[in-house]
Amino acid sequence: VHLMESGGDQAQVGGSLRLSCTVSGQSFTLNAWGWYRQPPGQAREKIATIGVFHGTTYANSVEGRFTISRDNGAGTIFLQMNNLTIDDTGTYYCNMGGWYDGPSLPVWGQGTQVTVSS
């Protein structure tokens, strides 16, 4: 299994970024997927998930600003991040599983770094 996150960058408060996570070596279409975030010095937290039928769930901290989506043909999930805040700074990862599941894969990608500054 290989998870490859990309799209992280430096951004200003109020800006936008779009992250991608491409999955290989794992059944994609019949599984839910999620985005996780690890702020500096803190634990990794789940922030958004998308189900098999494209139902989405978000953490309160990103609700209304972030949008998760998926492209089954490309084996990729996306995270559109709008109205960024300082607290969005961190390394972003993807993994398999729905909102009420833990991360279902025992491996993680390298993540993609998002740094938001004023």
C-alpha atoms as a PDB file:
ATOM      1  CA  VAL A   1       0.000   0.000   0.000  1.00  0.00           C
ATOM      2  CA  HIS A   2       1.269   3.426  -0.904  1.00  0.00           C
ATOM      3  CA  LEU A   3      -0.281   6.736   0.102  1.00  0.00           C
ATOM      4  CA  MET A   4       1.088   9.862  -1.521  1.00  0.00           C
ATOM      5  CA  GLU A   5      -0.044  13.235  -0.248  1.00  0.00           C
ATOM      6  CA  SER A   6       0.746  16.424  -2.129  1.00  0.00           C
ATOM      7  CA  GLY A   7      -0.315  20.025  -2.504  1.00  0.00           C
ATOM      8  CA  GLY A   8       0.927  21.427   0.772  1.00  0.00           C
ATOM      9  CA  ASP A   9       2.526  24.841   0.695  1.00  0.00           C
ATOM     10  CA  GLN A  10       2.915  28.089   2.549  1.00  0.00           C
ATOM     11  CA  ALA A  11      -0.186  30.227   2.568  1.00  0.00           C
ATOM     12  CA  GLN A  12      -1.463  33.375   4.185  1.00  0.00           C
ATOM     13  CA  VAL A  13      -4.353  33.627   6.581  1.00  0.00           C
ATOM     14  CA  GLY A  14      -7.522  33.638   4.533  1.00  0.00           C
ATOM     15  CA  GLY A  15      -5.894  31.848   1.624  1.00  0.00           C
ATOM     16  CA  SER A  16      -6.673  28.524   0.017  1.00  0.00           C
ATOM     17  CA  LEU A  17      -4.880  25.302  -0.778  1.00  0.00           C
ATOM     18  CA  ARG A  18      -5.913  22.029  -2.402  1.00  0.00           C
ATOM     19  CA  LEU A  19      -4.390  18.809  -1.179  1.00  0.00           C
ATOM     20  CA  SER A  20      -4.366  15.475  -2.974  1.00  0.00           C
ATOM     21  CA  CYS A  21      -3.782  11.946  -1.778  1.00  0.00           C
ATOM     22  CA  THR A  22      -3.255   9.202  -4.328  1.00  0.00           C
ATOM     23  CA  VAL A  23      -3.670   5.625  -3.200  1.00  0.00           C
ATOM     24  CA  SER A  24      -2.067   2.587  -4.767  1.00  0.00           C
ATOM     25  CA  GLY A  25      -1.972  -1.042  -3.772  1.00  0.00           C
ATOM     26  CA  GLN A  26      -5.287  -0.886  -1.924  1.00  0.00           C
ATOM     27  CA  SER A  27      -8.896  -1.171  -3.025  1.00  0.00           C
ATOM     28  CA  PHE A  28     -10.094   2.408  -3.296  1.00  0.00           C
ATOM     29  CA  THR A  29     -13.667   2.593  -4.559  1.00  0.00           C
ATOM     30  CA  LEU A  30     -15.269   0.358  -1.927  1.00  0.00           C
ATOM     31  CA  ASN A  31     -13.680   2.091   1.053  1.00  0.00           C
ATOM     32  CA  ALA A  32     -14.111   5.305   2.959  1.00  0.00           C
ATOM     33  CA  TRP A  33     -11.135   7.634   3.183  1.00  0.00           C
ATOM     34  CA  GLY A  34     -10.111  10.470   5.408  1.00  0.00           C
ATOM     35  CA  TRP A  35      -7.751  13.336   5.948  1.00  0.00           C
ATOM     36  CA  TYR A  36      -5.750  13.726   9.130  1.00  0.00           C
ATOM     37  CA  ARG A  37      -3.769  16.675  10.397  1.00  0.00           C
ATOM     38  CA  GLN A  38      -0.822  16.795  12.799  1.00  0.00           C
ATOM     39  CA  PRO A  39      -0.070  20.287  14.119  1.00  0.00           C
ATOM     40  CA  PRO A  40       3.499  20.918  15.306  1.00  0.00           C
ATOM     41  CA  GLY A  41       4.119  19.154  18.601  1.00  0.00           C
ATOM     42  CA  GLN A  42       0.619  17.698  18.732  1.00  0.00           C
ATOM     43  CA  ALA A  43      -1.067  14.390  18.011  1.00  0.00           C
ATOM     44  CA  ARG A  44      -2.503  13.525  14.645  1.00  0.00           C
ATOM     45  CA  GLU A  45      -6.240  14.217  14.415  1.00  0.00           C
ATOM     46  CA  LYS A  46      -8.907  13.254  11.928  1.00  0.00           C
ATOM     47  CA  ILE A  47     -10.438  16.261  10.198  1.00  0.00           C
ATOM     48  CA  ALA A  48     -12.537  14.961   7.298  1.00  0.00           C
ATOM     49  CA  THR A  49     -13.823  11.718   5.852  1.00  0.00           C
ATOM     50  CA  ILE A  50     -15.678  10.703   2.706  1.00  0.00           C
ATOM     51  CA  GLY A  51     -17.683   7.519   2.405  1.00  0.00           C
ATOM     52  CA  VAL A  52     -18.245   5.078  -0.415  1.00  0.00           C
ATOM     53  CA  PHE A  53     -21.332   7.024  -1.490  1.00  0.00           C
ATOM     54  CA  HIS A  54     -19.545  10.350  -1.059  1.00  0.00           C
ATOM     55  CA  GLY A  55     -21.106  11.215   2.275  1.00  0.00           C
ATOM     56  CA  THR A  56     -18.784  13.577   4.164  1.00  0.00           C
ATOM     57  CA  THR A  57     -18.053  14.367   7.802  1.00  0.00           C
ATOM     58  CA  TYR A  58     -15.855  17.124   9.196  1.00  0.00           C
ATOM     59  CA  ALA A  59     -14.270  18.106  12.450  1.00  0.00           C
ATOM     60  CA  ASN A  60     -15.779  21.240  13.963  1.00  0.00           C
ATOM     61  CA  SER A  61     -12.505  23.072  13.427  1.00  0.00           C
ATOM     62  CA  VAL A  62     -12.724  22.787   9.626  1.00  0.00           C
ATOM     63  CA  GLU A  63     -16.480  22.530   9.009  1.00  0.00           C
ATOM     64  CA  GLY A  64     -17.580  25.106   6.453  1.00  0.00           C
ATOM     65  CA  ARG A  65     -14.043  25.859   5.294  1.00  0.00           C
ATOM     66  CA  PHE A  66     -12.701  22.524   4.048  1.00  0.00           C
ATOM     67  CA  THR A  67     -14.239  20.196   1.474  1.00  0.00           C
ATOM     68  CA  ILE A  68     -13.215  16.585   0.970  1.00  0.00           C
ATOM     69  CA  SER A  69     -13.878  14.881  -2.341  1.00  0.00           C
ATOM     70  CA  ARG A  70     -12.812  11.767  -4.186  1.00  0.00           C
ATOM     71  CA  ASP A  71     -12.074  10.616  -7.721  1.00  0.00           C
ATOM     72  CA  ASN A  72     -12.547   6.866  -7.788  1.00  0.00           C
ATOM     73  CA  GLY A  73     -11.102   6.524 -11.274  1.00  0.00           C
ATOM     74  CA  ALA A  74      -7.881   8.153 -10.187  1.00  0.00           C
ATOM     75  CA  GLY A  75      -7.753   6.532  -6.745  1.00  0.00           C
ATOM     76  CA  THR A  76      -7.382   9.981  -5.241  1.00  0.00           C
ATOM     77  CA  ILE A  77      -8.982  12.029  -2.517  1.00  0.00           C
ATOM     78  CA  PHE A  78      -8.785  15.798  -2.290  1.00  0.00           C
ATOM     79  CA  LEU A  79      -9.059  18.399   0.418  1.00  0.00           C
ATOM     80  CA  GLN A  80     -10.031  21.896  -0.653  1.00  0.00           C
ATOM     81  CA  MET A  81      -8.984  24.212   2.139  1.00  0.00           C
ATOM     82  CA  ASN A  82     -10.419  27.726   2.163  1.00  0.00           C
ATOM     83  CA  ASN A  83     -10.209  30.621   4.591  1.00  0.00           C
ATOM     84  CA  LEU A  84      -7.071  29.190   6.146  1.00  0.00           C
ATOM     85  CA  THR A  85      -6.119  30.091   9.701  1.00  0.00           C
ATOM     86  CA  ILE A  86      -2.887  29.834  11.674  1.00  0.00           C
ATOM     87  CA  ASP A  87      -4.314  26.751  13.395  1.00  0.00           C
ATOM     88  CA  ASP A  88      -4.446  24.916  10.069  1.00  0.00           C
ATOM     89  CA  THR A  89      -0.662  24.691  10.088  1.00  0.00           C
ATOM     90  CA  GLY A  90       0.535  21.121  10.204  1.00  0.00           C
ATOM     91  CA  THR A  91       1.340  18.000   8.267  1.00  0.00           C
ATOM     92  CA  TYR A  92      -1.611  16.489   6.448  1.00  0.00           C
ATOM     93  CA  TYR A  93      -2.041  12.775   5.856  1.00  0.00           C
ATOM     94  CA  CYS A  94      -4.652  10.485   4.387  1.00  0.00           C
ATOM     95  CA  ASN A  95      -5.741   7.020   5.442  1.00  0.00           C
ATOM     96  CA  MET A  96      -8.566   4.600   4.906  1.00  0.00           C
ATOM     97  CA  GLY A  97     -11.662   4.470   7.077  1.00  0.00           C
ATOM     98  CA  GLY A  98     -14.795   6.345   7.965  1.00  0.00           C
ATOM     99  CA  TRP A  99     -15.393   8.963  10.648  1.00  0.00           C
ATOM    100  CA  TYR A 100     -16.149   6.464  13.416  1.00  0.00           C
ATOM    101  CA  ASP A 101     -13.298   4.152  12.441  1.00  0.00           C
ATOM    102  CA  GLY A 102      -9.680   4.438  13.331  1.00  0.00           C
ATOM    103  CA  PRO A 103      -7.218   4.667  10.495  1.00  0.00           C
ATOM    104  CA  SER A 104      -7.628   1.323   8.769  1.00  0.00           C
ATOM    105  CA  LEU A 105      -4.217   1.084   7.161  1.00  0.00           C
ATOM    106  CA  PRO A 106      -1.127   0.422   9.287  1.00  0.00           C
ATOM    107  CA  VAL A 107       0.984   2.597   7.031  1.00  0.00           C
ATOM    108  CA  TRP A 108       1.082   6.314   6.463  1.00  0.00           C
ATOM    109  CA  GLY A 109       2.402   8.424   3.651  1.00  0.00           C
ATOM    110  CA  GLN A 110       5.036  11.088   4.139  1.00  0.00           C
ATOM    111  CA  GLY A 111       2.349  13.710   4.479  1.00  0.00           C
ATOM    112  CA  THR A 112       2.261  17.162   2.985  1.00  0.00           C
ATOM    113  CA  GLN A 113       3.177  20.276   4.945  1.00  0.00           C
ATOM    114  CA  VAL A 114       0.841  23.233   5.239  1.00  0.00           C
ATOM    115  CA  THR A 115       2.154  26.399   6.834  1.00  0.00           C
ATOM    116  CA  VAL A 116      -0.208  29.320   7.325  1.00  0.00           C
ATOM    117  CA  SER A 117       1.125  32.705   8.317  1.00  0.00           C
ATOM    118  CA  SER A 118      -0.312  36.169   8.799  1.00  0.00           C
END
